[in-house]
Amino acid sequence: MRKNKHARWAHKAATAVLAVALVAAVGGVSAPVQADTLLMEQIQKEPANAYEGIPRPRRGMTMQRVEEVFGRPKKATQPVGRPPIVRWTYPTFVVFFERDVAIDVVVPRPTSTANLN
């Protein structure tokens, strides 16, 4: 008799799992999909993250050249590690230098959801 109870319980559990999966597949849980769509629409409204869209330094530029073209950074870190890495922060981008050569330039996304409206 104990085996029978276990089989009935397993059947009920499997039925519940299948029901939840079916509801999710049919569209009962569609909020995350809508959120992803809204984010994609917002990304398409922003300027392209390309050199033409947001002017910024290119890899390989020296610190001196970056400062000549874009001015002094809003914030600069001290060298860290070996080889020494330095980060210069500007209003619309961040430049990472290895020694005195730009190795990467990043355009950060807004951190506030208020900018998404």
N, C-alpha and C. Protein backbone atom coordinates (compact mmCIF):
# COMPACT_ATOMS: atom_id res chain seq x y z
N MET A 1 0.82 -1.18 0.00
CA MET A 1 0.00 0.00 0.00
C MET A 1 0.87 1.26 0.00
N ARG A 2 2.01 1.19 0.68
CA ARG A 2 2.90 2.32 0.74
C ARG A 2 3.42 2.68 -0.66
N LYS A 3 3.71 1.69 -1.45
CA LYS A 3 4.20 1.91 -2.80
C LYS A 3 3.13 2.62 -3.63
N ASN A 4 1.88 2.29 -3.43
CA ASN A 4 0.77 2.92 -4.13
C ASN A 4 0.68 4.41 -3.81
N LYS A 5 0.84 4.79 -2.53
CA LYS A 5 0.78 6.19 -2.13
C LYS A 5 1.90 6.99 -2.78
N HIS A 6 3.09 6.38 -2.82
CA HIS A 6 4.23 7.05 -3.43
C HIS A 6 3.99 7.26 -4.92
N ALA A 7 3.43 6.27 -5.58
CA ALA A 7 3.15 6.38 -7.02
C ALA A 7 2.12 7.47 -7.28
N ARG A 8 1.09 7.56 -6.43
CA ARG A 8 0.08 8.61 -6.61
C ARG A 8 0.68 9.99 -6.39
N TRP A 9 1.55 10.11 -5.38
CA TRP A 9 2.18 11.40 -5.10
C TRP A 9 3.09 11.83 -6.26
N ALA A 10 3.85 10.88 -6.79
CA ALA A 10 4.74 11.16 -7.91
C ALA A 10 3.93 11.58 -9.14
N HIS A 11 2.81 10.95 -9.36
CA HIS A 11 1.95 11.29 -10.50
C HIS A 11 1.40 12.71 -10.34
N LYS A 12 0.95 13.06 -9.13
CA LYS A 12 0.42 14.40 -8.88
C LYS A 12 1.52 15.46 -9.08
N ALA A 13 2.72 15.17 -8.60
CA ALA A 13 3.82 16.12 -8.74
C ALA A 13 4.17 16.31 -10.21
N ALA A 14 4.22 15.23 -10.97
CA ALA A 14 4.54 15.31 -12.39
C ALA A 14 3.47 16.09 -13.13
N THR A 15 2.22 15.88 -12.78
CA THR A 15 1.12 16.62 -13.41
C THR A 15 1.23 18.11 -13.12
N ALA A 16 1.56 18.46 -11.89
CA ALA A 16 1.70 19.88 -11.52
C ALA A 16 2.84 20.53 -12.30
N VAL A 17 3.97 19.84 -12.43
CA VAL A 17 5.11 20.38 -13.17
C VAL A 17 4.74 20.58 -14.63
N LEU A 18 4.07 19.61 -15.22
CA LEU A 18 3.64 19.75 -16.61
C LEU A 18 2.66 20.91 -16.79
N ALA A 19 1.77 21.11 -15.84
CA ALA A 19 0.80 22.20 -15.93
C ALA A 19 1.51 23.55 -15.89
N VAL A 20 2.48 23.70 -15.00
CA VAL A 20 3.23 24.96 -14.91
C VAL A 20 4.02 25.19 -16.20
N ALA A 21 4.64 24.15 -16.73
CA ALA A 21 5.40 24.27 -17.97
C ALA A 21 4.49 24.67 -19.13
N LEU A 22 3.31 24.10 -19.18
CA LEU A 22 2.36 24.42 -20.24
C LEU A 22 1.91 25.87 -20.16
N VAL A 23 1.60 26.34 -18.96
CA VAL A 23 1.17 27.74 -18.79
C VAL A 23 2.29 28.67 -19.22
N ALA A 24 3.53 28.37 -18.84
CA ALA A 24 4.67 29.21 -19.21
C ALA A 24 4.88 29.19 -20.72
N ALA A 25 4.73 28.02 -21.35
CA ALA A 25 4.95 27.91 -22.79
C ALA A 25 3.87 28.63 -23.59
N VAL A 26 2.64 28.59 -23.11
CA VAL A 26 1.53 29.22 -23.83
C VAL A 26 1.57 30.73 -23.69
N GLY A 27 2.22 31.23 -22.68
CA GLY A 27 2.32 32.68 -22.54
C GLY A 27 1.77 33.21 -21.24
N GLY A 28 1.52 32.34 -20.30
CA GLY A 28 1.02 32.79 -19.01
C GLY A 28 2.04 33.63 -18.26
N VAL A 29 3.33 33.46 -18.57
CA VAL A 29 4.38 34.23 -17.91
C VAL A 29 5.09 35.01 -19.01
N SER A 30 4.55 36.18 -19.37
CA SER A 30 5.13 36.93 -20.48
C SER A 30 5.80 38.22 -20.07
N ALA A 31 5.80 38.58 -18.80
CA ALA A 31 6.39 39.85 -18.36
C ALA A 31 7.87 39.97 -18.72
N PRO A 32 8.72 38.93 -18.50
CA PRO A 32 10.13 39.10 -18.86
C PRO A 32 10.33 39.37 -20.34
N VAL A 33 9.52 38.77 -21.20
CA VAL A 33 9.65 39.00 -22.63
C VAL A 33 9.32 40.45 -22.95
N GLN A 34 8.29 41.01 -22.33
CA GLN A 34 7.95 42.40 -22.56
C GLN A 34 9.06 43.33 -22.07
N ALA A 35 9.67 43.03 -20.95
CA ALA A 35 10.75 43.86 -20.42
C ALA A 35 11.93 43.84 -21.38
N ASP A 36 12.27 42.67 -21.92
CA ASP A 36 13.36 42.60 -22.88
C ASP A 36 13.06 43.41 -24.12
N THR A 37 11.82 43.38 -24.58
CA THR A 37 11.44 44.14 -25.75
C THR A 37 11.58 45.63 -25.49
N LEU A 38 11.14 46.10 -24.33
CA LEU A 38 11.26 47.52 -24.01
C LEU A 38 12.71 47.95 -23.95
N LEU A 39 13.58 47.13 -23.38
CA LEU A 39 14.99 47.46 -23.31
C LEU A 39 15.58 47.55 -24.72
N MET A 40 15.22 46.62 -25.58
CA MET A 40 15.72 46.66 -26.96
C MET A 40 15.26 47.92 -27.67
N GLU A 41 14.01 48.33 -27.45
CA GLU A 41 13.52 49.55 -28.06
C GLU A 41 14.31 50.76 -27.57
N GLN A 42 14.63 50.80 -26.28
CA GLN A 42 15.40 51.90 -25.71
C GLN A 42 16.80 51.94 -26.30
N ILE A 43 17.44 50.78 -26.44
CA ILE A 43 18.78 50.73 -27.00
C ILE A 43 18.78 51.27 -28.42
N GLN A 44 17.74 50.97 -29.19
CA GLN A 44 17.68 51.44 -30.56
C GLN A 44 17.51 52.95 -30.64
N LYS A 45 16.95 53.58 -29.60
CA LYS A 45 16.75 55.03 -29.58
C LYS A 45 18.03 55.78 -29.25
N GLU A 46 18.97 55.13 -28.54
CA GLU A 46 20.21 55.78 -28.14
C GLU A 46 21.16 55.88 -29.32
N PRO A 47 22.13 56.83 -29.25
CA PRO A 47 23.10 56.92 -30.35
C PRO A 47 23.90 55.63 -30.45
N ALA A 48 24.32 55.33 -31.65
CA ALA A 48 25.08 54.10 -31.87
C ALA A 48 26.36 54.13 -31.07
N ASN A 49 26.73 53.00 -30.50
CA ASN A 49 27.97 52.89 -29.74
C ASN A 49 29.10 52.64 -30.74
N ALA A 50 29.29 53.62 -31.60
CA ALA A 50 30.33 53.56 -32.62
C ALA A 50 31.09 54.87 -32.58
N TYR A 51 32.25 54.89 -33.19
CA TYR A 51 33.05 56.11 -33.18
C TYR A 51 32.29 57.27 -33.81
N GLU A 52 31.43 56.98 -34.76
CA GLU A 52 30.63 58.02 -35.39
C GLU A 52 29.52 58.51 -34.45
N GLY A 53 29.00 57.63 -33.60
CA GLY A 53 27.89 57.98 -32.72
C GLY A 53 28.34 58.75 -31.49
N ILE A 54 29.40 58.31 -30.84
CA ILE A 54 29.93 58.96 -29.64
C ILE A 54 31.42 59.14 -29.85
N PRO A 55 31.85 60.35 -30.18
CA PRO A 55 33.29 60.56 -30.41
C PRO A 55 34.09 60.19 -29.17
N ARG A 56 35.16 59.45 -29.37
CA ARG A 56 36.02 59.02 -28.27
C ARG A 56 37.35 58.56 -28.84
N PRO A 57 38.35 58.41 -27.97
CA PRO A 57 39.67 57.97 -28.45
C PRO A 57 39.62 56.57 -29.05
N ARG A 58 40.62 56.28 -29.82
CA ARG A 58 40.76 54.94 -30.40
C ARG A 58 41.90 54.21 -29.70
N ARG A 59 41.84 52.90 -29.74
CA ARG A 59 42.93 52.09 -29.19
C ARG A 59 44.24 52.49 -29.87
N GLY A 60 45.29 52.50 -29.07
CA GLY A 60 46.61 52.82 -29.61
C GLY A 60 47.00 54.28 -29.45
N MET A 61 46.04 55.16 -29.14
CA MET A 61 46.37 56.56 -28.93
C MET A 61 47.17 56.71 -27.64
N THR A 62 48.11 57.65 -27.62
CA THR A 62 48.88 57.89 -26.40
C THR A 62 48.09 58.80 -25.46
N MET A 63 48.50 58.81 -24.20
CA MET A 63 47.86 59.69 -23.21
C MET A 63 47.95 61.14 -23.68
N GLN A 64 49.11 61.50 -24.19
CA GLN A 64 49.31 62.88 -24.64
C GLN A 64 48.33 63.23 -25.76
N ARG A 65 48.16 62.34 -26.72
CA ARG A 65 47.25 62.60 -27.85
C ARG A 65 45.79 62.65 -27.37
N VAL A 66 45.42 61.75 -26.47
CA VAL A 66 44.05 61.76 -25.94
C VAL A 66 43.78 63.09 -25.24
N GLU A 67 44.73 63.56 -24.46
CA GLU A 67 44.54 64.83 -23.76
C GLU A 67 44.50 66.00 -24.74
N GLU A 68 45.29 65.96 -25.80
CA GLU A 68 45.26 67.02 -26.82
C GLU A 68 43.90 67.10 -27.50
N VAL A 69 43.34 65.94 -27.82
CA VAL A 69 42.08 65.89 -28.58
C VAL A 69 40.85 66.07 -27.68
N PHE A 70 40.84 65.45 -26.49
CA PHE A 70 39.64 65.41 -25.66
C PHE A 70 39.76 66.23 -24.37
N GLY A 71 40.92 66.80 -24.12
CA GLY A 71 41.11 67.60 -22.91
C GLY A 71 41.46 66.73 -21.71
N ARG A 72 41.59 67.39 -20.57
CA ARG A 72 41.93 66.67 -19.34
C ARG A 72 40.74 65.81 -18.90
N PRO A 73 41.01 64.63 -18.35
CA PRO A 73 39.91 63.78 -17.88
C PRO A 73 39.24 64.37 -16.65
N LYS A 74 37.97 64.02 -16.47
CA LYS A 74 37.24 64.43 -15.27
C LYS A 74 37.84 63.77 -14.04
N LYS A 75 38.31 62.53 -14.21
CA LYS A 75 38.91 61.77 -13.11
C LYS A 75 39.97 60.85 -13.70
N ALA A 76 41.09 60.69 -12.98
CA ALA A 76 42.16 59.78 -13.42
C ALA A 76 42.61 58.96 -12.22
N THR A 77 42.82 57.65 -12.44
CA THR A 77 43.29 56.80 -11.35
C THR A 77 44.81 56.72 -11.39
N GLN A 78 45.38 56.31 -10.28
CA GLN A 78 46.82 56.03 -10.21
C GLN A 78 47.08 54.70 -10.91
N PRO A 79 48.30 54.49 -11.43
CA PRO A 79 48.62 53.21 -12.07
C PRO A 79 48.45 52.04 -11.10
N VAL A 80 47.88 50.95 -11.61
CA VAL A 80 47.64 49.75 -10.79
C VAL A 80 48.18 48.54 -11.55
N GLY A 81 48.93 47.68 -10.83
CA GLY A 81 49.36 46.40 -11.39
C GLY A 81 50.59 46.47 -12.26
N ARG A 82 50.90 45.31 -12.85
CA ARG A 82 52.03 45.19 -13.77
C ARG A 82 51.55 44.45 -14.99
N PRO A 83 51.54 44.97 -16.15
CA PRO A 83 51.93 46.35 -16.47
C PRO A 83 50.94 47.34 -15.84
N PRO A 84 51.40 48.57 -15.62
CA PRO A 84 50.54 49.56 -14.97
C PRO A 84 49.33 49.93 -15.85
N ILE A 85 48.14 49.87 -15.25
CA ILE A 85 46.89 50.22 -15.93
C ILE A 85 46.35 51.49 -15.28
N VAL A 86 45.97 52.46 -16.11
CA VAL A 86 45.41 53.73 -15.65
C VAL A 86 44.05 53.91 -16.32
N ARG A 87 43.11 54.48 -15.58
CA ARG A 87 41.77 54.74 -16.12
C ARG A 87 41.49 56.24 -16.09
N TRP A 88 41.12 56.80 -17.23
CA TRP A 88 40.70 58.20 -17.32
C TRP A 88 39.20 58.23 -17.58
N THR A 89 38.48 58.98 -16.80
CA THR A 89 37.03 59.08 -16.94
C THR A 89 36.65 60.43 -17.53
N TYR A 90 35.89 60.40 -18.61
CA TYR A 90 35.33 61.59 -19.27
C TYR A 90 33.81 61.53 -19.11
N PRO A 91 33.10 62.60 -19.42
CA PRO A 91 31.63 62.58 -19.25
C PRO A 91 30.92 61.48 -20.05
N THR A 92 31.40 61.13 -21.24
CA THR A 92 30.68 60.15 -22.07
C THR A 92 31.44 58.85 -22.31
N PHE A 93 32.66 58.72 -21.82
CA PHE A 93 33.43 57.50 -22.04
C PHE A 93 34.53 57.37 -20.99
N VAL A 94 35.11 56.17 -20.92
CA VAL A 94 36.22 55.88 -20.02
C VAL A 94 37.33 55.25 -20.86
N VAL A 95 38.56 55.73 -20.66
CA VAL A 95 39.71 55.22 -21.41
C VAL A 95 40.61 54.44 -20.46
N PHE A 96 41.04 53.25 -20.87
CA PHE A 96 41.98 52.44 -20.11
C PHE A 96 43.31 52.45 -20.84
N PHE A 97 44.37 52.79 -20.10
CA PHE A 97 45.71 52.84 -20.66
C PHE A 97 46.59 51.76 -20.04
N GLU A 98 47.45 51.16 -20.85
CA GLU A 98 48.53 50.32 -20.36
C GLU A 98 49.78 51.13 -20.60
N ARG A 99 50.45 51.48 -19.52
CA ARG A 99 51.53 52.45 -19.54
C ARG A 99 50.96 53.76 -20.08
N ASP A 100 51.30 54.19 -21.29
CA ASP A 100 50.73 55.45 -21.79
C ASP A 100 49.97 55.26 -23.11
N VAL A 101 49.57 54.03 -23.39
CA VAL A 101 48.86 53.72 -24.64
C VAL A 101 47.44 53.24 -24.33
N ALA A 102 46.44 53.80 -25.02
CA ALA A 102 45.03 53.40 -24.82
C ALA A 102 44.85 51.96 -25.28
N ILE A 103 44.34 51.13 -24.38
CA ILE A 103 44.09 49.72 -24.73
C ILE A 103 42.60 49.41 -24.87
N ASP A 104 41.75 50.28 -24.30
CA ASP A 104 40.31 50.08 -24.43
C ASP A 104 39.58 51.37 -24.12
N VAL A 105 38.44 51.56 -24.76
CA VAL A 105 37.58 52.72 -24.52
C VAL A 105 36.17 52.19 -24.36
N VAL A 106 35.51 52.61 -23.27
CA VAL A 106 34.19 52.08 -22.94
C VAL A 106 33.20 53.23 -22.82
N VAL A 107 32.01 53.04 -23.39
CA VAL A 107 30.91 53.99 -23.21
C VAL A 107 29.94 53.34 -22.24
N PRO A 108 29.91 53.82 -20.98
CA PRO A 108 29.03 53.18 -19.99
C PRO A 108 27.56 53.47 -20.26
N ARG A 109 26.72 52.52 -19.92
CA ARG A 109 25.27 52.70 -20.00
C ARG A 109 24.82 53.52 -18.81
N PRO A 110 23.71 54.24 -18.93
CA PRO A 110 23.18 54.97 -17.78
C PRO A 110 22.85 53.99 -16.65
N THR A 111 23.13 54.38 -15.42
CA THR A 111 22.86 53.50 -14.29
C THR A 111 21.46 53.70 -13.74
N SER A 112 20.82 54.79 -14.06
CA SER A 112 19.49 55.09 -13.53
C SER A 112 18.42 54.62 -14.50
N THR A 113 17.36 54.01 -13.97
CA THR A 113 16.25 53.62 -14.83
C THR A 113 15.44 54.84 -15.25
N ALA A 114 15.66 56.00 -14.60
CA ALA A 114 14.96 57.22 -14.99
C ALA A 114 15.34 57.62 -16.41
N ASN A 115 16.54 57.24 -16.87
CA ASN A 115 16.98 57.56 -18.22
C ASN A 115 16.30 56.71 -19.28
N LEU A 116 15.58 55.67 -18.86
CA LEU A 116 14.92 54.79 -19.82
C LEU A 116 13.56 55.30 -20.27
N ASN A 117 13.09 56.38 -19.71
CA ASN A 117 11.76 56.89 -20.10
C ASN A 117 11.86 57.90 -21.19
